[in-house]
């Protein structure tokens, strides 16, 4: 449940920033894509739509996201996204295959 709430909160914060934060809006220029965060089994998923310098999010998955980040389970996803050193947590997860990136990995870096 904490992972679902975290994914929703991330969407809410990004949507708010896309309306109110000029620096964040600049990061969205010429971006038109859908990405999602999910568990490997797909039971928990949320997708984020980037279009017209705005971000919206919806529960559930989409058929063909530009990229998806899948965590081994909801608890692991929550802990990774809340880690003090997120970059290290992601790199370790990718190396030991507890995090999988599907789609275009170059967009994940963005």
Protein backbone atom coordinates (compact mmCIF):
# COMPACT_ATOMS: atom_id res chain seq x y z
CA UNK A 1 0.00 0.00 0.00
CA UNK A 2 2.88 2.40 0.79
CA UNK A 3 4.30 1.88 -2.71
CA UNK A 4 0.96 2.75 -4.35
CA UNK A 5 0.69 5.92 -2.27
CA UNK A 6 4.28 6.86 -3.09
CA UNK A 7 3.67 6.43 -6.83
CA UNK A 8 0.50 8.54 -6.58
CA UNK A 9 2.33 11.24 -4.57
CA UNK A 10 5.15 11.34 -7.11
CA UNK A 11 2.60 11.87 -9.87
CA UNK A 12 0.86 14.61 -7.89
CA UNK A 13 4.15 16.39 -7.18
CA UNK A 14 5.31 16.15 -10.80
CA UNK A 15 1.94 17.41 -12.06
CA UNK A 16 2.13 20.34 -9.66
CA UNK A 17 5.73 21.13 -10.65
CA UNK A 18 4.78 20.96 -14.33
CA UNK A 19 2.23 23.71 -13.69
CA UNK A 20 4.20 25.93 -11.30
CA UNK A 21 7.94 25.40 -11.70
CA UNK A 22 9.55 27.03 -14.78
CA UNK A 23 12.78 25.03 -14.39
CA UNK A 24 10.83 21.75 -14.32
CA UNK A 25 8.74 22.89 -17.29
CA UNK A 26 11.95 23.40 -19.28
CA UNK A 27 12.81 19.74 -18.71
CA UNK A 28 9.51 18.83 -20.39
CA UNK A 29 10.00 20.87 -23.57
CA UNK A 30 9.51 18.69 -26.68
CA UNK A 31 8.75 15.61 -24.58
CA UNK A 32 5.74 13.54 -25.54
CA UNK A 33 5.87 10.13 -23.89
CA UNK A 34 4.37 7.77 -21.37
CA UNK A 35 6.46 6.01 -18.75
CA UNK A 36 5.53 3.78 -15.86
CA UNK A 37 6.75 2.48 -12.55
CA UNK A 38 5.58 -0.97 -11.49
CA UNK A 39 6.31 -4.21 -9.73
CA UNK A 40 7.75 -7.07 -11.79
CA UNK A 41 4.50 -9.02 -11.51
CA UNK A 42 2.52 -5.96 -12.67
CA UNK A 43 0.15 -6.01 -9.69
CA UNK A 44 1.12 -2.46 -8.74
CA UNK A 45 1.64 -0.01 -11.60
CA UNK A 46 1.21 3.68 -12.30
CA UNK A 47 1.87 5.44 -15.58
CA UNK A 48 2.85 9.04 -16.16
CA UNK A 49 1.92 10.98 -19.29
CA UNK A 50 4.26 13.76 -20.41
CA UNK A 51 2.64 16.02 -23.00
CA UNK A 52 2.55 19.76 -23.70
CA UNK A 53 4.97 20.51 -20.84
CA UNK A 54 2.62 18.88 -18.34
CA UNK A 55 2.61 15.59 -16.46
CA UNK A 56 -0.48 13.59 -15.55
CA UNK A 57 -0.56 10.22 -13.86
CA UNK A 58 -3.04 7.37 -13.76
CA UNK A 59 -3.16 4.09 -11.91
CA UNK A 60 -2.50 0.92 -13.86
CA UNK A 61 -0.24 0.11 -16.74
CA UNK A 62 -0.23 0.97 -20.43
CA UNK A 63 0.51 -1.36 -23.31
CA UNK A 64 3.55 0.40 -24.78
CA UNK A 65 5.29 2.89 -22.50
CA UNK A 66 8.46 4.62 -23.72
CA UNK A 67 10.10 3.00 -20.71
CA UNK A 68 9.09 1.17 -17.57
CA UNK A 69 10.96 0.64 -14.35
CA UNK A 70 9.91 -2.59 -12.66
CA UNK A 71 10.81 -3.39 -9.05
CA UNK A 72 10.90 -6.95 -7.71
CA UNK A 73 8.03 -6.16 -5.32
CA UNK A 74 6.21 -3.21 -3.77
CA UNK A 75 8.25 -3.16 -0.54
CA UNK A 76 11.51 -3.15 -2.49
CA UNK A 77 10.22 -0.39 -4.79
CA UNK A 78 9.18 1.74 -1.83
CA UNK A 79 12.54 1.26 -0.10
CA UNK A 80 14.50 2.02 -3.28
CA UNK A 81 12.56 5.21 -4.01
CA UNK A 82 13.01 6.30 -0.38
CA UNK A 83 16.72 5.41 -0.15
CA UNK A 84 19.11 8.16 0.93
CA UNK A 85 21.37 7.40 -2.03
CA UNK A 86 18.82 6.67 -4.75
CA UNK A 87 21.39 6.46 -7.53
CA UNK A 88 23.35 3.77 -5.69
CA UNK A 89 20.16 1.89 -4.79
CA UNK A 90 19.07 1.89 -8.46
CA UNK A 91 22.48 0.80 -9.72
CA UNK A 92 22.63 -2.08 -7.24
CA UNK A 93 19.06 -3.10 -8.10
CA UNK A 94 19.82 -3.13 -11.81
CA UNK A 95 23.00 -5.17 -11.26
CA UNK A 96 21.31 -7.82 -9.16
CA UNK A 97 18.18 -7.78 -11.38
CA UNK A 98 15.77 -6.69 -8.64
CA UNK A 99 15.06 -3.68 -10.86
CA UNK A 100 14.41 -4.13 -14.57
CA UNK A 101 14.21 -1.39 -17.17
CA UNK A 102 11.97 -2.07 -20.13
CA UNK A 103 11.92 0.12 -23.22
CA UNK A 104 14.32 2.95 -24.02
CA UNK A 105 17.00 3.13 -21.28
CA UNK A 106 18.23 6.53 -22.55
CA UNK A 107 14.92 8.06 -21.48
CA UNK A 108 15.33 6.69 -17.95
CA UNK A 109 18.38 8.89 -17.49
CA UNK A 110 16.32 11.91 -18.50
